[in-house]
Amino acid sequence: MAAGKGEEGVLVFVSLVCSAMASLVQQSSRLRAMEMLLVFAYHLPDAHKLDRILPYLCSMLTDEQALVRATALRSVTQLLAMVNEVGRDATFDALHECSWFTRFPCAGPS
């Protein structure tokens, strides 16, 4: 899918924020980065939300700070609420990126 002129500008900023997220040290910076990604998501089509933003938000779900994890969960929920149309491949790729929850096995019946 070809990006429109406005989308291309937003994608540049999304790429910039996403690349910086890996090296952010302060909790407030990670929180602000997630907030910025959600603002940018309003200006992108659903495919870009799932392909470019969702994996980075999911990566914050394993952060050592509880507030960052909680904000990441809220951000993932808000991002998915913005999505109206999901392609089959995008859905499975996005769910695979969020497979962080497999690290926490559920306690079965004793």
PDB file of N, CA and C in Angstrom:
ATOM      1  N   MET A   1       0.850  -1.168   0.000  1.00  0.00           N
ATOM      2  CA  MET A   1       0.000   0.000   0.000  1.00  0.00           C
ATOM      3  C   MET A   1       0.896   1.231   0.000  1.00  0.00           C
ATOM      4  N   ALA A   2       0.654   2.125  -0.902  1.00  0.00           N
ATOM      5  CA  ALA A   2       1.431   3.351  -0.996  1.00  0.00           C
ATOM      6  C   ALA A   2       0.937   4.346   0.046  1.00  0.00           C
ATOM      7  N   ALA A   3       1.892   4.957   0.713  1.00  0.00           N
ATOM      8  CA  ALA A   3       1.547   5.933   1.744  1.00  0.00           C
ATOM      9  C   ALA A   3       1.279   7.277   1.094  1.00  0.00           C
ATOM     10  N   GLY A   4       0.291   7.993   1.628  1.00  0.00           N
ATOM     11  CA  GLY A   4       0.007   9.337   1.153  1.00  0.00           C
ATOM     12  C   GLY A   4       1.085  10.294   1.636  1.00  0.00           C
ATOM     13  N   LYS A   5       1.041  11.501   1.125  1.00  0.00           N
ATOM     14  CA  LYS A   5       2.070  12.479   1.476  1.00  0.00           C
ATOM     15  C   LYS A   5       2.098  12.766   2.977  1.00  0.00           C
ATOM     16  N   GLY A   6       0.939  12.911   3.593  1.00  0.00           N
ATOM     17  CA  GLY A   6       0.874  13.151   5.035  1.00  0.00           C
ATOM     18  C   GLY A   6       1.321  11.946   5.843  1.00  0.00           C
ATOM     19  N   GLU A   7       0.963  10.759   5.354  1.00  0.00           N
ATOM     20  CA  GLU A   7       1.357   9.527   6.039  1.00  0.00           C
ATOM     21  C   GLU A   7       2.869   9.359   6.063  1.00  0.00           C
ATOM     22  N   GLU A   8       3.529   9.725   4.985  1.00  0.00           N
ATOM     23  CA  GLU A   8       4.980   9.572   4.922  1.00  0.00           C
ATOM     24  C   GLU A   8       5.665  10.382   6.010  1.00  0.00           C
ATOM     25  N   GLY A   9       5.181  11.598   6.251  1.00  0.00           N
ATOM     26  CA  GLY A   9       5.748  12.426   7.307  1.00  0.00           C
ATOM     27  C   GLY A   9       5.541  11.819   8.683  1.00  0.00           C
ATOM     28  N   VAL A  10       4.343  11.287   8.910  1.00  0.00           N
ATOM     29  CA  VAL A  10       4.056  10.657  10.193  1.00  0.00           C
ATOM     30  C   VAL A  10       4.915   9.410  10.365  1.00  0.00           C
ATOM     31  N   LEU A  11       5.090   8.644   9.302  1.00  0.00           N
ATOM     32  CA  LEU A  11       5.909   7.433   9.383  1.00  0.00           C
ATOM     33  C   LEU A  11       7.363   7.744   9.732  1.00  0.00           C
ATOM     34  N   VAL A  12       7.863   8.887   9.274  1.00  0.00           N
ATOM     35  CA  VAL A  12       9.232   9.286   9.630  1.00  0.00           C
ATOM     36  C   VAL A  12       9.326   9.490  11.137  1.00  0.00           C
ATOM     37  N   PHE A  13       8.353  10.175  11.715  1.00  0.00           N
ATOM     38  CA  PHE A  13       8.370  10.414  13.153  1.00  0.00           C
ATOM     39  C   PHE A  13       8.142   9.126  13.944  1.00  0.00           C
ATOM     40  N   VAL A  14       7.277   8.251  13.445  1.00  0.00           N
ATOM     41  CA  VAL A  14       7.063   6.956  14.101  1.00  0.00           C
ATOM     42  C   VAL A  14       8.368   6.173  14.121  1.00  0.00           C
ATOM     43  N   SER A  15       9.072   6.146  13.003  1.00  0.00           N
ATOM     44  CA  SER A  15      10.355   5.425  12.947  1.00  0.00           C
ATOM     45  C   SER A  15      11.366   6.017  13.913  1.00  0.00           C
ATOM     46  N   LEU A  16      11.396   7.335  14.012  1.00  0.00           N
ATOM     47  CA  LEU A  16      12.318   8.009  14.916  1.00  0.00           C
ATOM     48  C   LEU A  16      12.022   7.650  16.374  1.00  0.00           C
ATOM     49  N   VAL A  17      10.759   7.711  16.766  1.00  0.00           N
ATOM     50  CA  VAL A  17      10.383   7.397  18.144  1.00  0.00           C
ATOM     51  C   VAL A  17      10.640   5.917  18.447  1.00  0.00           C
ATOM     52  N   CYS A  18      10.288   5.051  17.513  1.00  0.00           N
ATOM     53  CA  CYS A  18      10.482   3.612  17.732  1.00  0.00           C
ATOM     54  C   CYS A  18      11.958   3.252  17.864  1.00  0.00           C
ATOM     55  N   SER A  19      12.807   3.863  17.058  1.00  0.00           N
ATOM     56  CA  SER A  19      14.229   3.544  17.143  1.00  0.00           C
ATOM     57  C   SER A  19      14.833   4.078  18.443  1.00  0.00           C
ATOM     58  N   ALA A  20      14.285   5.168  18.959  1.00  0.00           N
ATOM     59  CA  ALA A  20      14.801   5.726  20.212  1.00  0.00           C
ATOM     60  C   ALA A  20      14.307   4.951  21.431  1.00  0.00           C
ATOM     61  N   MET A  21      13.184   4.261  21.314  1.00  0.00           N
ATOM     62  CA  MET A  21      12.601   3.578  22.469  1.00  0.00           C
ATOM     63  C   MET A  21      13.535   2.535  23.075  1.00  0.00           C
ATOM     64  N   ALA A  22      14.330   1.888  22.265  1.00  0.00           N
ATOM     65  CA  ALA A  22      15.207   0.830  22.765  1.00  0.00           C
ATOM     66  C   ALA A  22      16.291   1.377  23.692  1.00  0.00           C
ATOM     67  N   SER A  23      16.665   2.629  23.505  1.00  0.00           N
ATOM     68  CA  SER A  23      17.764   3.174  24.296  1.00  0.00           C
ATOM     69  C   SER A  23      17.308   4.149  25.385  1.00  0.00           C
ATOM     70  N   LEU A  24      16.013   4.312  25.558  1.00  0.00           N
ATOM     71  CA  LEU A  24      15.526   5.240  26.580  1.00  0.00           C
ATOM     72  C   LEU A  24      15.779   4.669  27.972  1.00  0.00           C
ATOM     73  N   VAL A  25      16.300   5.493  28.845  1.00  0.00           N
ATOM     74  CA  VAL A  25      16.657   5.045  30.189  1.00  0.00           C
ATOM     75  C   VAL A  25      15.611   5.466  31.211  1.00  0.00           C
ATOM     76  N   GLN A  26      15.162   6.702  31.129  1.00  0.00           N
ATOM     77  CA  GLN A  26      14.230   7.207  32.134  1.00  0.00           C
ATOM     78  C   GLN A  26      12.807   6.720  31.869  1.00  0.00           C
ATOM     79  N   GLN A  27      12.131   6.412  32.956  1.00  0.00           N
ATOM     80  CA  GLN A  27      10.758   5.944  32.872  1.00  0.00           C
ATOM     81  C   GLN A  27       9.873   6.977  32.193  1.00  0.00           C
ATOM     82  N   SER A  28      10.032   8.239  32.538  1.00  0.00           N
ATOM     83  CA  SER A  28       9.189   9.286  31.958  1.00  0.00           C
ATOM     84  C   SER A  28       9.382   9.381  30.448  1.00  0.00           C
ATOM     85  N   SER A  29      10.573   9.103  29.959  1.00  0.00           N
ATOM     86  CA  SER A  29      10.828   9.132  28.514  1.00  0.00           C
ATOM     87  C   SER A  29      10.108   7.996  27.806  1.00  0.00           C
ATOM     88  N   ARG A  30      10.111   6.814  28.411  1.00  0.00           N
ATOM     89  CA  ARG A  30       9.401   5.680  27.811  1.00  0.00           C
ATOM     90  C   ARG A  30       7.894   5.931  27.801  1.00  0.00           C
ATOM     91  N   LEU A  31       7.385   6.530  28.879  1.00  0.00           N
ATOM     92  CA  LEU A  31       5.953   6.850  28.934  1.00  0.00           C
ATOM     93  C   LEU A  31       5.585   7.873  27.859  1.00  0.00           C
ATOM     94  N   ARG A  32       6.421   8.886  27.698  1.00  0.00           N
ATOM     95  CA  ARG A  32       6.161   9.923  26.695  1.00  0.00           C
ATOM     96  C   ARG A  32       6.233   9.339  25.285  1.00  0.00           C
ATOM     97  N   ALA A  33       7.178   8.429  25.050  1.00  0.00           N
ATOM     98  CA  ALA A  33       7.314   7.810  23.723  1.00  0.00           C
ATOM     99  C   ALA A  33       6.055   7.018  23.371  1.00  0.00           C
ATOM    100  N   MET A  34       5.511   6.283  24.334  1.00  0.00           N
ATOM    101  CA  MET A  34       4.281   5.533  24.062  1.00  0.00           C
ATOM    102  C   MET A  34       3.118   6.473  23.784  1.00  0.00           C
ATOM    103  N   GLU A  35       3.061   7.570  24.511  1.00  0.00           N
ATOM    104  CA  GLU A  35       2.018   8.566  24.283  1.00  0.00           C
ATOM    105  C   GLU A  35       2.131   9.156  22.872  1.00  0.00           C
ATOM    106  N   MET A  36       3.353   9.443  22.452  1.00  0.00           N
ATOM    107  CA  MET A  36       3.568   9.997  21.116  1.00  0.00           C
ATOM    108  C   MET A  36       3.156   9.004  20.034  1.00  0.00           C
ATOM    109  N   LEU A  37       3.463   7.725  20.232  1.00  0.00           N
ATOM    110  CA  LEU A  37       3.085   6.725  19.232  1.00  0.00           C
ATOM    111  C   LEU A  37       1.573   6.651  19.071  1.00  0.00           C
ATOM    112  N   LEU A  38       0.850   6.781  20.173  1.00  0.00           N
ATOM    113  CA  LEU A  38      -0.613   6.759  20.078  1.00  0.00           C
ATOM    114  C   LEU A  38      -1.144   7.970  19.318  1.00  0.00           C
ATOM    115  N   VAL A  39      -0.542   9.118  19.533  1.00  0.00           N
ATOM    116  CA  VAL A  39      -0.963  10.322  18.804  1.00  0.00           C
ATOM    117  C   VAL A  39      -0.702  10.147  17.308  1.00  0.00           C
ATOM    118  N   PHE A  40       0.472   9.623  16.971  1.00  0.00           N
ATOM    119  CA  PHE A  40       0.793   9.393  15.554  1.00  0.00           C
ATOM    120  C   PHE A  40      -0.133   8.346  14.939  1.00  0.00           C
ATOM    121  N   ALA A  41      -0.557   7.378  15.730  1.00  0.00           N
ATOM    122  CA  ALA A  41      -1.395   6.291  15.215  1.00  0.00           C
ATOM    123  C   ALA A  41      -2.719   6.809  14.665  1.00  0.00           C
ATOM    124  N   TYR A  42      -3.220   7.906  15.200  1.00  0.00           N
ATOM    125  CA  TYR A  42      -4.480   8.469  14.707  1.00  0.00           C
ATOM    126  C   TYR A  42      -4.375   8.887  13.238  1.00  0.00           C
ATOM    127  N   HIS A  43      -3.167   9.119  12.764  1.00  0.00           N
ATOM    128  CA  HIS A  43      -2.966   9.618  11.402  1.00  0.00           C
ATOM    129  C   HIS A  43      -2.481   8.542  10.441  1.00  0.00           C
ATOM    130  N   LEU A  44      -2.504   7.289  10.869  1.00  0.00           N
ATOM    131  CA  LEU A  44      -2.012   6.191  10.036  1.00  0.00           C
ATOM    132  C   LEU A  44      -3.115   5.186   9.745  1.00  0.00           C
ATOM    133  N   PRO A  45      -2.994   4.493   8.620  1.00  0.00           N
ATOM    134  CA  PRO A  45      -3.958   3.424   8.335  1.00  0.00           C
ATOM    135  C   PRO A  45      -3.725   2.233   9.273  1.00  0.00           C
ATOM    136  N   ASP A  46      -4.716   1.375   9.348  1.00  0.00           N
ATOM    137  CA  ASP A  46      -4.675   0.242  10.272  1.00  0.00           C
ATOM    138  C   ASP A  46      -3.453  -0.650  10.074  1.00  0.00           C
ATOM    139  N   ALA A  47      -3.072  -0.894   8.848  1.00  0.00           N
ATOM    140  CA  ALA A  47      -1.927  -1.777   8.598  1.00  0.00           C
ATOM    141  C   ALA A  47      -0.654  -1.232   9.230  1.00  0.00           C
ATOM    142  N   HIS A  48      -0.441   0.062   9.158  1.00  0.00           N
ATOM    143  CA  HIS A  48       0.757   0.662   9.764  1.00  0.00           C
ATOM    144  C   HIS A  48       0.673   0.641  11.284  1.00  0.00           C
ATOM    145  N   LYS A  49      -0.525   0.773  11.819  1.00  0.00           N
ATOM    146  CA  LYS A  49      -0.681   0.696  13.274  1.00  0.00           C
ATOM    147  C   LYS A  49      -0.233  -0.678  13.777  1.00  0.00           C
ATOM    148  N   LEU A  50      -0.652  -1.708  13.059  1.00  0.00           N
ATOM    149  CA  LEU A  50      -0.323  -3.071  13.479  1.00  0.00           C
ATOM    150  C   LEU A  50       1.125  -3.445  13.169  1.00  0.00           C
ATOM    151  N   ASP A  51       1.620  -3.022  12.023  1.00  0.00           N
ATOM    152  CA  ASP A  51       2.968  -3.415  11.602  1.00  0.00           C
ATOM    153  C   ASP A  51       4.066  -2.612  12.267  1.00  0.00           C
ATOM    154  N   ARG A  52       3.835  -1.345  12.475  1.00  0.00           N
ATOM    155  CA  ARG A  52       4.929  -0.470  12.915  1.00  0.00           C
ATOM    156  C   ARG A  52       4.848  -0.028  14.363  1.00  0.00           C
ATOM    157  N   ILE A  53       3.659   0.120  14.894  1.00  0.00           N
ATOM    158  CA  ILE A  53       3.533   0.650  16.256  1.00  0.00           C
ATOM    159  C   ILE A  53       3.302  -0.455  17.282  1.00  0.00           C
ATOM    160  N   LEU A  54       2.438  -1.395  16.977  1.00  0.00           N
ATOM    161  CA  LEU A  54       2.088  -2.439  17.939  1.00  0.00           C
ATOM    162  C   LEU A  54       3.293  -3.222  18.461  1.00  0.00           C
ATOM    163  N   PRO A  55       4.238  -3.639  17.625  1.00  0.00           N
ATOM    164  CA  PRO A  55       5.384  -4.398  18.172  1.00  0.00           C
ATOM    165  C   PRO A  55       6.197  -3.604  19.200  1.00  0.00           C
ATOM    166  N   TYR A  56       6.340  -2.323  18.994  1.00  0.00           N
ATOM    167  CA  TYR A  56       7.108  -1.510  19.938  1.00  0.00           C
ATOM    168  C   TYR A  56       6.358  -1.318  21.249  1.00  0.00           C
ATOM    169  N   LEU A  57       5.046  -1.157  21.167  1.00  0.00           N
ATOM    170  CA  LEU A  57       4.266  -1.064  22.396  1.00  0.00           C
ATOM    171  C   LEU A  57       4.316  -2.386  23.154  1.00  0.00           C
ATOM    172  N   CYS A  58       4.252  -3.492  22.421  1.00  0.00           N
ATOM    173  CA  CYS A  58       4.320  -4.801  23.072  1.00  0.00           C
ATOM    174  C   CYS A  58       5.680  -5.035  23.727  1.00  0.00           C
ATOM    175  N   SER A  59       6.726  -4.476  23.150  1.00  0.00           N
ATOM    176  CA  SER A  59       8.048  -4.640  23.752  1.00  0.00           C
ATOM    177  C   SER A  59       8.128  -3.958  25.117  1.00  0.00           C
ATOM    178  N   MET A  60       7.306  -2.963  25.341  1.00  0.00           N
ATOM    179  CA  MET A  60       7.288  -2.273  26.635  1.00  0.00           C
ATOM    180  C   MET A  60       6.529  -3.068  27.703  1.00  0.00           C
ATOM    181  N   LEU A  61       5.820  -4.118  27.298  1.00  0.00           N
ATOM    182  CA  LEU A  61       5.076  -4.939  28.251  1.00  0.00           C
ATOM    183  C   LEU A  61       5.992  -5.751  29.155  1.00  0.00           C
ATOM    184  N   THR A  62       7.250  -5.855  28.806  1.00  0.00           N
ATOM    185  CA  THR A  62       8.207  -6.604  29.621  1.00  0.00           C
ATOM    186  C   THR A  62       9.193  -5.683  30.341  1.00  0.00           C
ATOM    187  N   ASP A  63       8.901  -4.408  30.391  1.00  0.00           N
ATOM    188  CA  ASP A  63       9.776  -3.450  31.057  1.00  0.00           C
ATOM    189  C   ASP A  63       9.854  -3.764  32.551  1.00  0.00           C
ATOM    190  N   GLU A  64      10.950  -3.371  33.170  1.00  0.00           N
ATOM    191  CA  GLU A  64      11.127  -3.645  34.595  1.00  0.00           C
ATOM    192  C   GLU A  64      10.273  -2.744  35.484  1.00  0.00           C
ATOM    193  N   GLN A  65       9.838  -1.604  34.980  1.00  0.00           N
ATOM    194  CA  GLN A  65       9.017  -0.675  35.751  1.00  0.00           C
ATOM    195  C   GLN A  65       7.528  -0.988  35.579  1.00  0.00           C
ATOM    196  N   ALA A  66       6.829  -1.130  36.686  1.00  0.00           N
ATOM    197  CA  ALA A  66       5.402  -1.480  36.647  1.00  0.00           C
ATOM    198  C   ALA A  66       4.568  -0.418  35.940  1.00  0.00           C
ATOM    199  N   LEU A  67       4.897   0.848  36.149  1.00  0.00           N
ATOM    200  CA  LEU A  67       4.133   1.917  35.504  1.00  0.00           C
ATOM    201  C   LEU A  67       4.288   1.873  33.986  1.00  0.00           C
ATOM    202  N   VAL A  68       5.463   1.535  33.520  1.00  0.00           N
ATOM    203  CA  VAL A  68       5.696   1.411  32.079  1.00  0.00           C
ATOM    204  C   VAL A  68       4.896   0.239  31.527  1.00  0.00           C
ATOM    205  N   ARG A  69       4.908  -0.891  32.235  1.00  0.00           N
ATOM    206  CA  ARG A  69       4.128  -2.051  31.779  1.00  0.00           C
ATOM    207  C   ARG A  69       2.636  -1.737  31.747  1.00  0.00           C
ATOM    208  N   ALA A  70       2.138  -1.069  32.772  1.00  0.00           N
ATOM    209  CA  ALA A  70       0.710  -0.720  32.818  1.00  0.00           C
ATOM    210  C   ALA A  70       0.342   0.242  31.697  1.00  0.00           C
ATOM    211  N   THR A  71       1.209   1.218  31.454  1.00  0.00           N
ATOM    212  CA  THR A  71       0.957   2.168  30.373  1.00  0.00           C
ATOM    213  C   THR A  71       1.025   1.474  29.023  1.00  0.00           C
ATOM    214  N   ALA A  72       1.941   0.533  28.888  1.00  0.00           N
ATOM    215  CA  ALA A  72       2.043  -0.215  27.633  1.00  0.00           C
ATOM    216  C   ALA A  72       0.773  -1.019  27.380  1.00  0.00           C
ATOM    217  N   LEU A  73       0.250  -1.646  28.414  1.00  0.00           N
ATOM    218  CA  LEU A  73      -0.986  -2.416  28.256  1.00  0.00           C
ATOM    219  C   LEU A  73      -2.153  -1.515  27.867  1.00  0.00           C
ATOM    220  N   ARG A  74      -2.236  -0.364  28.509  1.00  0.00           N
ATOM    221  CA  ARG A  74      -3.280   0.607  28.158  1.00  0.00           C
ATOM    222  C   ARG A  74      -3.096   1.102  26.731  1.00  0.00           C
ATOM    223  N   SER A  75      -1.849   1.344  26.335  1.00  0.00           N
ATOM    224  CA  SER A  75      -1.569   1.838  24.986  1.00  0.00           C
ATOM    225  C   SER A  75      -1.900   0.794  23.926  1.00  0.00           C
ATOM    226  N   VAL A  76      -1.569  -0.462  24.200  1.00  0.00           N
ATOM    227  CA  VAL A  76      -1.915  -1.533  23.258  1.00  0.00           C
ATOM    228  C   VAL A  76      -3.426  -1.614  23.112  1.00  0.00           C
ATOM    229  N   THR A  77      -4.131  -1.511  24.216  1.00  0.00           N
ATOM    230  CA  THR A  77      -5.593  -1.564  24.183  1.00  0.00           C
ATOM    231  C   THR A  77      -6.163  -0.398  23.379  1.00  0.00           C
ATOM    232  N   GLN A  78      -5.641   0.796  23.600  1.00  0.00           N
ATOM    233  CA  GLN A  78      -6.119   1.965  22.866  1.00  0.00           C
ATOM    234  C   GLN A  78      -5.790   1.856  21.381  1.00  0.00           C
ATOM    235  N   LEU A  79      -4.606   1.345  21.066  1.00  0.00           N
ATOM    236  CA  LEU A  79      -4.224   1.198  19.661  1.00  0.00           C
ATOM    237  C   LEU A  79      -5.148   0.202  18.961  1.00  0.00           C
ATOM    238  N   LEU A  80      -5.395  -0.924  19.598  1.00  0.00           N
ATOM    239  CA  LEU A  80      -6.262  -1.928  18.976  1.00  0.00           C
ATOM    240  C   LEU A  80      -7.700  -1.427  18.851  1.00  0.00           C
ATOM    241  N   ALA A  81      -8.117  -0.545  19.744  1.00  0.00           N
ATOM    242  CA  ALA A  81      -9.460   0.037  19.642  1.00  0.00           C
ATOM    243  C   ALA A  81      -9.579   0.961  18.433  1.00  0.00           C
ATOM    244  N   MET A  82      -8.448   1.500  17.964  1.00  0.00           N
ATOM    245  CA  MET A  82      -8.452   2.372  16.782  1.00  0.00           C
ATOM    246  C   MET A  82      -8.538   1.590  15.477  1.00  0.00           C
ATOM    247  N   VAL A  83      -8.200   0.311  15.529  1.00  0.00           N
ATOM    248  CA  VAL A  83      -8.120  -0.499  14.314  1.00  0.00           C
ATOM    249  C   VAL A  83      -9.515  -0.947  13.903  1.00  0.00           C
ATOM    250  N   ASN A  84      -9.845  -0.690  12.634  1.00  0.00           N
ATOM    251  CA  ASN A  84     -11.152  -1.077  12.108  1.00  0.00           C
ATOM    252  C   ASN A  84     -11.085  -2.292  11.211  1.00  0.00           C
ATOM    253  N   GLU A  85      -9.973  -2.453  10.525  1.00  0.00           N
ATOM    254  CA  GLU A  85      -9.841  -3.546   9.562  1.00  0.00           C
ATOM    255  C   GLU A  85      -8.503  -4.241   9.778  1.00  0.00           C
ATOM    256  N   VAL A  86      -8.572  -5.557   9.902  1.00  0.00           N
ATOM    257  CA  VAL A  86      -7.362  -6.324  10.169  1.00  0.00           C
ATOM    258  C   VAL A  86      -7.214  -7.401   9.113  1.00  0.00           C
ATOM    259  N   GLY A  87      -6.068  -7.414   8.450  1.00  0.00           N
ATOM    260  CA  GLY A  87      -5.765  -8.481   7.512  1.00  0.00           C
ATOM    261  C   GLY A  87      -5.308  -9.713   8.268  1.00  0.00           C
ATOM    262  N   ARG A  88      -5.470 -10.856   7.684  1.00  0.00           N
ATOM    263  CA  ARG A  88      -5.117 -12.108   8.358  1.00  0.00           C
ATOM    264  C   ARG A  88      -3.648 -12.140   8.755  1.00  0.00           C
ATOM    265  N   ASP A  89      -2.746 -11.814   7.835  1.00  0.00           N
ATOM    266  CA  ASP A  89      -1.323 -11.852   8.131  1.00  0.00           C
ATOM    267  C   ASP A  89      -0.952 -10.852   9.218  1.00  0.00           C
ATOM    268  N   ALA A  90      -1.508  -9.669   9.162  1.00  0.00           N
ATOM    269  CA  ALA A  90      -1.198  -8.640  10.157  1.00  0.00           C
ATOM    270  C   ALA A  90      -1.643  -9.081  11.544  1.00  0.00           C
ATOM    271  N   THR A  91      -2.780  -9.754  11.608  1.00  0.00           N
ATOM    272  CA  THR A  91      -3.287 -10.202  12.893  1.00  0.00           C
ATOM    273  C   THR A  91      -2.343 -11.196  13.535  1.00  0.00           C
ATOM    274  N   PHE A  92      -1.926 -12.215  12.783  1.00  0.00           N
ATOM    275  CA  PHE A  92      -1.059 -13.232  13.346  1.00  0.00           C
ATOM    276  C   PHE A  92       0.323 -12.694  13.669  1.00  0.00           C
ATOM    277  N   ASP A  93       0.839 -11.799  12.840  1.00  0.00           N
ATOM    278  CA  ASP A  93       2.137 -11.192  13.125  1.00  0.00           C
ATOM    279  C   ASP A  93       2.073 -10.356  14.393  1.00  0.00           C
ATOM    280  N   ALA A  94       1.018  -9.598  14.540  1.00  0.00           N
ATOM    281  CA  ALA A  94       0.872  -8.746  15.728  1.00  0.00           C
ATOM    282  C   ALA A  94       0.718  -9.594  16.985  1.00  0.00           C
ATOM    283  N   LEU A  95      -0.054 -10.663  16.908  1.00  0.00           N
ATOM    284  CA  LEU A  95      -0.217 -11.534  18.071  1.00  0.00           C
ATOM    285  C   LEU A  95       1.089 -12.240  18.414  1.00  0.00           C
ATOM    286  N   HIS A  96       1.851 -12.599  17.407  1.00  0.00           N
ATOM    287  CA  HIS A  96       3.152 -13.228  17.657  1.00  0.00           C
ATOM    288  C   HIS A  96       4.078 -12.258  18.380  1.00  0.00           C
ATOM    289  N   GLU A  97       4.055 -10.993  17.979  1.00  0.00           N
ATOM    290  CA  GLU A  97       4.886  -9.978  18.637  1.00  0.00           C
ATOM    291  C   GLU A  97       4.472  -9.798  20.095  1.00  0.00           C
ATOM    292  N   CYS A  98       3.214 -10.011  20.388  1.00  0.00           N
ATOM    293  CA  CYS A  98       2.721  -9.839  21.757  1.00  0.00           C
ATOM    294  C   CYS A  98       2.736 -11.147  22.540  1.00  0.00           C
ATOM    295  N   SER A  99       3.477 -12.123  22.087  1.00  0.00           N
ATOM    296  CA  SER A  99       3.477 -13.422  22.754  1.00  0.00           C
ATOM    297  C   SER A  99       4.303 -13.407  24.030  1.00  0.00           C
ATOM    298  N   TRP A 100       4.582 -12.232  24.553  1.00  0.00           N
ATOM    299  CA  TRP A 100       5.316 -12.088  25.811  1.00  0.00           C
ATOM    300  C   TRP A 100       4.623 -12.809  26.950  1.00  0.00           C
ATOM    301  N   PHE A 101       3.303 -12.951  26.878  1.00  0.00           N
ATOM    302  CA  PHE A 101       2.558 -13.538  27.974  1.00  0.00           C
ATOM    303  C   PHE A 101       2.847 -15.022  28.152  1.00  0.00           C
ATOM    304  N   THR A 102       3.486 -15.673  27.179  1.00  0.00           N
ATOM    305  CA  THR A 102       3.807 -17.095  27.334  1.00  0.00           C
ATOM    306  C   THR A 102       4.895 -17.297  28.380  1.00  0.00           C
ATOM    307  N   ARG A 103       5.576 -16.230  28.794  1.00  0.00           N
ATOM    308  CA  ARG A 103       6.579 -16.357  29.845  1.00  0.00           C
ATOM    309  C   ARG A 103       5.942 -16.552  31.209  1.00  0.00           C
ATOM    310  N   PHE A 104       4.653 -16.267  31.329  1.00  0.00           N
ATOM    311  CA  PHE A 104       3.968 -16.348  32.612  1.00  0.00           C
ATOM    312  C   PHE A 104       2.934 -17.468  32.560  1.00  0.00           C
ATOM    313  N   PRO A 105       3.348 -18.675  32.902  1.00  0.00           N
ATOM    314  CA  PRO A 105       2.397 -19.792  32.819  1.00  0.00           C
ATOM    315  C   PRO A 105       1.273 -19.632  33.836  1.00  0.00           C
ATOM    316  N   CYS A 106       0.095 -20.014  33.396  1.00  0.00           N
ATOM    317  CA  CYS A 106      -1.066 -19.962  34.283  1.00  0.00           C
ATOM    318  C   CYS A 106      -1.015 -21.164  35.236  1.00  0.00           C
ATOM    319  N   ALA A 107      -1.429 -20.925  36.429  1.00  0.00           N
ATOM    320  CA  ALA A 107      -1.481 -22.010  37.401  1.00  0.00           C
ATOM    321  C   ALA A 107      -2.709 -22.859  37.090  1.00  0.00           C
ATOM    322  N   GLY A 108      -2.484 -24.105  36.848  1.00  0.00           N
ATOM    323  CA  GLY A 108      -3.588 -25.021  36.563  1.00  0.00           C
ATOM    324  C   GLY A 108      -4.208 -25.503  37.850  1.00  0.00           C
ATOM    325  N   PRO A 109      -5.247 -26.306  37.729  1.00  0.00           N
ATOM    326  CA  PRO A 109      -5.898 -26.851  38.935  1.00  0.00           C
ATOM    327  C   PRO A 109      -4.935 -27.764  39.695  1.00  0.00           C
ATOM    328  N   SER A 110      -4.938 -27.637  40.987  1.00  0.00           N
ATOM    329  CA  SER A 110      -4.037 -28.448  41.822  1.00  0.00           C
ATOM    330  C   SER A 110      -4.654 -29.727  42.234  1.00  0.00           C
TER     331      SER A 110
END
